[in-house]
Amino acid sequence: MDEYVIDVIINGKKDQLKTFCGSIYSAIDSMLGIDMIEDIKCVTRTIDDKTWDVNNMDVAHLRGLRKEMDESLLVDAFKSVEDLYIDTTHW
């Protein structure tokens, strides 16, 4: 698990949140689950300062898609992605 710092918009103001996840996909998914987050701007993995600019992400659309998914299928999909992820930052 890695620490991710995520720049978000909450109540119209910039804020930063932390999460511990196995992949960028799980980090974003964890933010989608927090209803008060209005937008996700940037994600940084702290161990290597790898940054993803997700400024143009349609949070509302992704939340809508996520609600349509079976939760157990979503968990299995993230597990598969994390199993395939080759973590070279910890070598």
C-alpha atoms as a PDB file:
ATOM      1  CA  MET A   1       0.000   0.000   0.000  1.00  0.00           C
ATOM      2  CA  ASP A   2       1.180   3.470  -0.839  1.00  0.00           C
ATOM      3  CA  GLU A   3       0.205   6.863   0.458  1.00  0.00           C
ATOM      4  CA  TYR A   4      -1.527   9.167  -2.031  1.00  0.00           C
ATOM      5  CA  VAL A   5      -2.140  12.885  -1.513  1.00  0.00           C
ATOM      6  CA  ILE A   6      -5.132  14.056  -3.503  1.00  0.00           C
ATOM      7  CA  ASP A   7      -5.972  17.656  -4.355  1.00  0.00           C
ATOM      8  CA  VAL A   8      -9.737  18.029  -4.266  1.00  0.00           C
ATOM      9  CA  ILE A   9     -12.472  20.653  -4.176  1.00  0.00           C
ATOM     10  CA  ILE A  10     -14.803  20.550  -1.159  1.00  0.00           C
ATOM     11  CA  ASN A  11     -17.501  23.205  -0.721  1.00  0.00           C
ATOM     12  CA  GLY A  12     -15.926  25.215  -3.535  1.00  0.00           C
ATOM     13  CA  LYS A  13     -12.525  25.345  -1.811  1.00  0.00           C
ATOM     14  CA  LYS A  14      -9.231  23.595  -2.508  1.00  0.00           C
ATOM     15  CA  ASP A  15      -8.264  20.924  -0.014  1.00  0.00           C
ATOM     16  CA  GLN A  16      -5.910  17.938   0.252  1.00  0.00           C
ATOM     17  CA  LEU A  17      -6.790  14.463   1.443  1.00  0.00           C
ATOM     18  CA  LYS A  18      -4.650  11.386   2.027  1.00  0.00           C
ATOM     19  CA  THR A  19      -5.480   7.788   1.319  1.00  0.00           C
ATOM     20  CA  PHE A  20      -3.532   4.540   1.466  1.00  0.00           C
ATOM     21  CA  CYS A  21      -4.157   2.304  -1.542  1.00  0.00           C
ATOM     22  CA  GLY A  22      -2.509  -0.241  -3.774  1.00  0.00           C
ATOM     23  CA  SER A  23      -2.974   1.756  -6.989  1.00  0.00           C
ATOM     24  CA  ILE A  24      -3.978   5.079  -8.494  1.00  0.00           C
ATOM     25  CA  TYR A  25      -7.284   3.466  -9.475  1.00  0.00           C
ATOM     26  CA  SER A  26      -8.131   2.611  -5.885  1.00  0.00           C
ATOM     27  CA  ALA A  27      -7.070   6.080  -4.719  1.00  0.00           C
ATOM     28  CA  ILE A  28      -9.461   7.746  -7.160  1.00  0.00           C
ATOM     29  CA  ASP A  29     -12.218   5.286  -6.315  1.00  0.00           C
ATOM     30  CA  SER A  30     -11.860   6.101  -2.632  1.00  0.00           C
ATOM     31  CA  MET A  31     -12.382   9.797  -3.442  1.00  0.00           C
ATOM     32  CA  LEU A  32     -15.445   9.009  -5.563  1.00  0.00           C
ATOM     33  CA  GLY A  33     -16.968   7.413  -2.478  1.00  0.00           C
ATOM     34  CA  ILE A  34     -16.821  10.695  -0.542  1.00  0.00           C
ATOM     35  CA  ASP A  35     -19.913  12.656  -1.572  1.00  0.00           C
ATOM     36  CA  MET A  36     -18.670  16.030  -0.320  1.00  0.00           C
ATOM     37  CA  ILE A  37     -15.802  15.975  -2.840  1.00  0.00           C
ATOM     38  CA  GLU A  38     -16.928  18.081  -5.783  1.00  0.00           C
ATOM     39  CA  ASP A  39     -13.856  17.622  -7.972  1.00  0.00           C
ATOM     40  CA  ILE A  40     -10.528  15.791  -8.055  1.00  0.00           C
ATOM     41  CA  LYS A  41      -7.636  17.831  -9.446  1.00  0.00           C
ATOM     42  CA  CYS A  42      -4.380  15.958  -8.908  1.00  0.00           C
ATOM     43  CA  VAL A  43      -3.126  12.744  -7.301  1.00  0.00           C
ATOM     44  CA  THR A  44       0.426  12.321  -5.975  1.00  0.00           C
ATOM     45  CA  ARG A  45       1.966   9.062  -4.780  1.00  0.00           C
ATOM     46  CA  THR A  46       4.246  10.208  -1.967  1.00  0.00           C
ATOM     47  CA  ILE A  47       6.884   7.471  -2.113  1.00  0.00           C
ATOM     48  CA  ASP A  48       8.173   8.646  -5.512  1.00  0.00           C
ATOM     49  CA  ASP A  49       6.252  11.912  -6.084  1.00  0.00           C
ATOM     50  CA  LYS A  50       4.578  10.428  -9.170  1.00  0.00           C
ATOM     51  CA  THR A  51       1.771  12.820 -10.072  1.00  0.00           C
ATOM     52  CA  TRP A  52      -1.374  12.329 -12.135  1.00  0.00           C
ATOM     53  CA  ASP A  53      -3.210  15.411 -13.381  1.00  0.00           C
ATOM     54  CA  VAL A  54      -6.865  14.386 -13.401  1.00  0.00           C
ATOM     55  CA  ASN A  55      -8.229  17.915 -13.634  1.00  0.00           C
ATOM     56  CA  ASN A  56     -10.630  17.094 -16.478  1.00  0.00           C
ATOM     57  CA  MET A  57     -12.129  14.028 -14.794  1.00  0.00           C
ATOM     58  CA  ASP A  58     -15.940  13.998 -14.780  1.00  0.00           C
ATOM     59  CA  VAL A  59     -16.519  13.072 -11.127  1.00  0.00           C
ATOM     60  CA  ALA A  60     -20.319  13.093 -11.385  1.00  0.00           C
ATOM     61  CA  HIS A  61     -20.261  10.766 -14.395  1.00  0.00           C
ATOM     62  CA  LEU A  62     -17.825   8.360 -12.706  1.00  0.00           C
ATOM     63  CA  ARG A  63     -19.958   8.293  -9.559  1.00  0.00           C
ATOM     64  CA  GLY A  64     -22.985   7.476 -11.680  1.00  0.00           C
ATOM     65  CA  LEU A  65     -21.159   4.619 -13.378  1.00  0.00           C
ATOM     66  CA  ARG A  66     -19.867   3.348 -10.053  1.00  0.00           C
ATOM     67  CA  LYS A  67     -23.382   3.223  -8.595  1.00  0.00           C
ATOM     68  CA  GLU A  68     -24.463   0.971 -11.450  1.00  0.00           C
ATOM     69  CA  MET A  69     -21.719  -1.579 -10.707  1.00  0.00           C
ATOM     70  CA  ASP A  70     -22.083  -4.562  -8.437  1.00  0.00           C
ATOM     71  CA  GLU A  71     -19.831  -3.820  -5.445  1.00  0.00           C
ATOM     72  CA  SER A  72     -18.313  -7.315  -5.398  1.00  0.00           C
ATOM     73  CA  LEU A  73     -17.407  -7.054  -9.091  1.00  0.00           C
ATOM     74  CA  LEU A  74     -15.785  -3.683  -8.467  1.00  0.00           C
ATOM     75  CA  VAL A  75     -13.691  -5.081  -5.601  1.00  0.00           C
ATOM     76  CA  ASP A  76     -12.602  -8.017  -7.779  1.00  0.00           C
ATOM     77  CA  ALA A  77     -11.683  -5.666 -10.633  1.00  0.00           C
ATOM     78  CA  PHE A  78      -9.514  -3.495  -8.383  1.00  0.00           C
ATOM     79  CA  LYS A  79      -7.855  -6.572  -6.918  1.00  0.00           C
ATOM     80  CA  SER A  80      -7.019  -7.774 -10.428  1.00  0.00           C
ATOM     81  CA  VAL A  81      -5.545  -4.408 -11.374  1.00  0.00           C
ATOM     82  CA  GLU A  82      -3.504  -4.260  -8.183  1.00  0.00           C
ATOM     83  CA  ASP A  83      -2.259  -7.825  -8.702  1.00  0.00           C
ATOM     84  CA  LEU A  84      -1.030  -6.855 -12.186  1.00  0.00           C
ATOM     85  CA  TYR A  85       0.633  -3.654 -10.997  1.00  0.00           C
ATOM     86  CA  ILE A  86       4.397  -4.111 -10.874  1.00  0.00           C
ATOM     87  CA  ASP A  87       5.592  -1.917  -8.055  1.00  0.00           C
ATOM     88  CA  THR A  88       9.107  -0.809  -8.927  1.00  0.00           C
ATOM     89  CA  THR A  89       9.101   1.977  -6.325  1.00  0.00           C
ATOM     90  CA  HIS A  90       9.823  -0.458  -3.495  1.00  0.00           C
ATOM     91  CA  TRP A  91      12.776  -2.321  -5.087  1.00  0.00           C
END
